[in-house]
C-alpha atoms as a PDB file:
ATOM      1  CA  UNK A   1      12.342  11.374  11.626  1.00  0.00           C
ATOM      2  CA  UNK A   2      15.100  13.145   9.722  1.00  0.00           C
ATOM      3  CA  UNK A   3      12.857  13.193   6.646  1.00  0.00           C
ATOM      4  CA  UNK A   4      10.209  15.303   8.388  1.00  0.00           C
ATOM      5  CA  UNK A   5      12.838  17.593   9.916  1.00  0.00           C
ATOM      6  CA  UNK A   6      14.441  18.148   6.506  1.00  0.00           C
ATOM      7  CA  UNK A   7      11.069  18.890   4.927  1.00  0.00           C
ATOM      8  CA  UNK A   8      10.153  21.354   7.686  1.00  0.00           C
ATOM      9  CA  UNK A   9      13.519  23.077   7.224  1.00  0.00           C
ATOM     10  CA  UNK A  10      13.008  23.310   3.453  1.00  0.00           C
ATOM     11  CA  UNK A  11       9.546  24.843   3.872  1.00  0.00           C
ATOM     12  CA  UNK A  12      10.800  27.292   6.508  1.00  0.00           C
ATOM     13  CA  UNK A  13      13.669  28.433   4.263  1.00  0.00           C
ATOM     14  CA  UNK A  14      11.794  28.557   0.951  1.00  0.00           C
ATOM     15  CA  UNK A  15      12.485  31.562  -1.272  1.00  0.00           C
ATOM     16  CA  UNK A  16       8.837  32.355  -1.995  1.00  0.00           C
ATOM     17  CA  UNK A  17       5.275  31.098  -1.491  1.00  0.00           C
ATOM     18  CA  UNK A  18       5.299  28.934  -4.626  1.00  0.00           C
ATOM     19  CA  UNK A  19       8.411  27.107  -3.477  1.00  0.00           C
ATOM     20  CA  UNK A  20       6.988  26.785   0.037  1.00  0.00           C
ATOM     21  CA  UNK A  21       3.799  25.181  -1.318  1.00  0.00           C
ATOM     22  CA  UNK A  22       5.750  22.811  -3.553  1.00  0.00           C
ATOM     23  CA  UNK A  23       7.798  21.552  -0.591  1.00  0.00           C
ATOM     24  CA  UNK A  24       4.991  21.197   1.950  1.00  0.00           C
ATOM     25  CA  UNK A  25       3.852  17.620   1.327  1.00  0.00           C
ATOM     26  CA  UNK A  26       0.584  16.638   2.934  1.00  0.00           C
ATOM     27  CA  UNK A  27       1.101  12.884   2.890  1.00  0.00           C
ATOM     28  CA  UNK A  28       3.765  10.197   2.827  1.00  0.00           C
ATOM     29  CA  UNK A  29       3.417   6.949   0.895  1.00  0.00           C
ATOM     30  CA  UNK A  30       5.391   3.917   2.021  1.00  0.00           C
ATOM     31  CA  UNK A  31       5.467   0.547   0.267  1.00  0.00           C
ATOM     32  CA  UNK A  32       5.839  -2.254   2.798  1.00  0.00           C
ATOM     33  CA  UNK A  33       6.405  -5.944   2.024  1.00  0.00           C
ATOM     34  CA  UNK A  34       4.179  -8.211   4.101  1.00  0.00           C
ATOM     35  CA  UNK A  35       2.446 -11.576   4.277  1.00  0.00           C
ATOM     36  CA  UNK A  36      -1.196 -12.452   4.804  1.00  0.00           C
ATOM     37  CA  UNK A  37      -2.060 -12.786   8.472  1.00  0.00           C
ATOM     38  CA  UNK A  38      -5.376 -14.498   7.875  1.00  0.00           C
ATOM     39  CA  UNK A  39      -7.289 -12.015  10.045  1.00  0.00           C
ATOM     40  CA  UNK A  40      -9.417  -9.114   8.990  1.00  0.00           C
ATOM     41  CA  UNK A  41      -8.959  -5.370   9.138  1.00  0.00           C
ATOM     42  CA  UNK A  42      -5.719  -3.769  10.299  1.00  0.00           C
ATOM     43  CA  UNK A  43      -4.336  -7.079  11.600  1.00  0.00           C
ATOM     44  CA  UNK A  44      -4.600  -8.866   8.274  1.00  0.00           C
ATOM     45  CA  UNK A  45      -0.939  -8.237   7.375  1.00  0.00           C
ATOM     46  CA  UNK A  46       2.240  -9.531   8.957  1.00  0.00           C
ATOM     47  CA  UNK A  47       4.907  -7.017   8.010  1.00  0.00           C
ATOM     48  CA  UNK A  48       8.399  -8.070   6.995  1.00  0.00           C
ATOM     49  CA  UNK A  49       9.873  -5.095   8.896  1.00  0.00           C
ATOM     50  CA  UNK A  50       8.548  -4.279  12.366  1.00  0.00           C
ATOM     51  CA  UNK A  51       8.518  -0.513  11.833  1.00  0.00           C
ATOM     52  CA  UNK A  52       6.022  -0.877   8.985  1.00  0.00           C
ATOM     53  CA  UNK A  53       3.451  -2.182  11.460  1.00  0.00           C
ATOM     54  CA  UNK A  54       3.894   0.986  13.537  1.00  0.00           C
ATOM     55  CA  UNK A  55       3.555   3.166  10.444  1.00  0.00           C
ATOM     56  CA  UNK A  56       0.436   1.237   9.374  1.00  0.00           C
ATOM     57  CA  UNK A  57      -1.253   1.755  12.746  1.00  0.00           C
ATOM     58  CA  UNK A  58      -0.654   5.514  12.426  1.00  0.00           C
ATOM     59  CA  UNK A  59      -1.707   5.734   8.773  1.00  0.00           C
ATOM     60  CA  UNK A  60      -4.668   7.500   7.257  1.00  0.00           C
ATOM     61  CA  UNK A  61      -5.297   4.332   5.268  1.00  0.00           C
ATOM     62  CA  UNK A  62      -3.542   1.148   4.173  1.00  0.00           C
ATOM     63  CA  UNK A  63      -4.141  -0.803   0.984  1.00  0.00           C
ATOM     64  CA  UNK A  64      -2.630  -4.267   0.487  1.00  0.00           C
ATOM     65  CA  UNK A  65      -2.239  -6.118  -2.797  1.00  0.00           C
ATOM     66  CA  UNK A  66      -0.576  -9.311  -4.036  1.00  0.00           C
ATOM     67  CA  UNK A  67       3.019  -8.772  -5.072  1.00  0.00           C
ATOM     68  CA  UNK A  68       4.425 -10.761  -7.989  1.00  0.00           C
ATOM     69  CA  UNK A  69       6.724 -13.654  -7.093  1.00  0.00           C
ATOM     70  CA  UNK A  70      10.368 -12.803  -7.520  1.00  0.00           C
ATOM     71  CA  UNK A  71      11.487 -16.436  -7.793  1.00  0.00           C
ATOM     72  CA  UNK A  72       9.478 -19.533  -8.669  1.00  0.00           C
ATOM     73  CA  UNK A  73      10.745 -21.356  -5.574  1.00  0.00           C
ATOM     74  CA  UNK A  74       9.275 -18.679  -3.279  1.00  0.00           C
ATOM     75  CA  UNK A  75       6.761 -20.538  -1.139  1.00  0.00           C
ATOM     76  CA  UNK A  76       5.035 -17.742   0.727  1.00  0.00           C
ATOM     77  CA  UNK A  77       2.760 -15.340  -1.084  1.00  0.00           C
ATOM     78  CA  UNK A  78       4.343 -11.937  -0.646  1.00  0.00           C
ATOM     79  CA  UNK A  79       2.027  -8.965  -0.479  1.00  0.00           C
ATOM     80  CA  UNK A  80       2.693  -5.251  -0.542  1.00  0.00           C
ATOM     81  CA  UNK A  81       0.984  -2.697   1.668  1.00  0.00           C
ATOM     82  CA  UNK A  82       0.672   0.888   0.560  1.00  0.00           C
ATOM     83  CA  UNK A  83       0.804   2.920   3.776  1.00  0.00           C
ATOM     84  CA  UNK A  84      -0.433   6.505   3.456  1.00  0.00           C
ATOM     85  CA  UNK A  85       0.186   8.802   6.409  1.00  0.00           C
ATOM     86  CA  UNK A  86       0.263  12.490   7.204  1.00  0.00           C
ATOM     87  CA  UNK A  87       3.163  14.314   8.864  1.00  0.00           C
ATOM     88  CA  UNK A  88       1.236  14.048  12.126  1.00  0.00           C
ATOM     89  CA  UNK A  89       0.871  10.278  11.706  1.00  0.00           C
ATOM     90  CA  UNK A  90       4.536   9.955  10.794  1.00  0.00           C
ATOM     91  CA  UNK A  91       5.592  11.909  13.892  1.00  0.00           C
ATOM     92  CA  UNK A  92       3.354   9.753  16.102  1.00  0.00           C
ATOM     93  CA  UNK A  93       4.821   6.583  14.601  1.00  0.00           C
ATOM     94  CA  UNK A  94       8.367   7.850  15.166  1.00  0.00           C
ATOM     95  CA  UNK A  95       7.557   8.538  18.833  1.00  0.00           C
ATOM     96  CA  UNK A  96       6.268   4.973  19.209  1.00  0.00           C
ATOM     97  CA  UNK A  97       9.383   3.584  17.535  1.00  0.00           C
ATOM     98  CA  UNK A  98      11.642   5.607  19.841  1.00  0.00           C
ATOM     99  CA  UNK A  99       9.861   4.137  22.860  1.00  0.00           C
ATOM    100  CA  UNK A 100      10.345   0.613  21.469  1.00  0.00           C
ATOM    101  CA  UNK A 101      14.064   0.931  20.766  1.00  0.00           C
ATOM    102  CA  UNK A 102      14.855   3.091  23.793  1.00  0.00           C
ATOM    103  CA  UNK A 103      16.325   6.180  22.083  1.00  0.00           C
END
């Protein structure tokens, strides 16, 4: 949440229009480690971190690919999801996360 607040502050306090445009990002990209869930669609990934699932459900789109093995003894096939969301999606995800953790 602090990320969006900082970005809004930077845009609000920009020196000129060019700086304002350069600071007003339209999308966020998050790389999320996950494992194959065996299902289809949005439920096909089991995320390593619970908040990534919330971000993915509020994303504009999600693309998942096979991640290279870090160690030969790694048994599970790690994947990586690219989660692309707007500020609106990010804010919605943060509201859901706040409800989950009670803050």
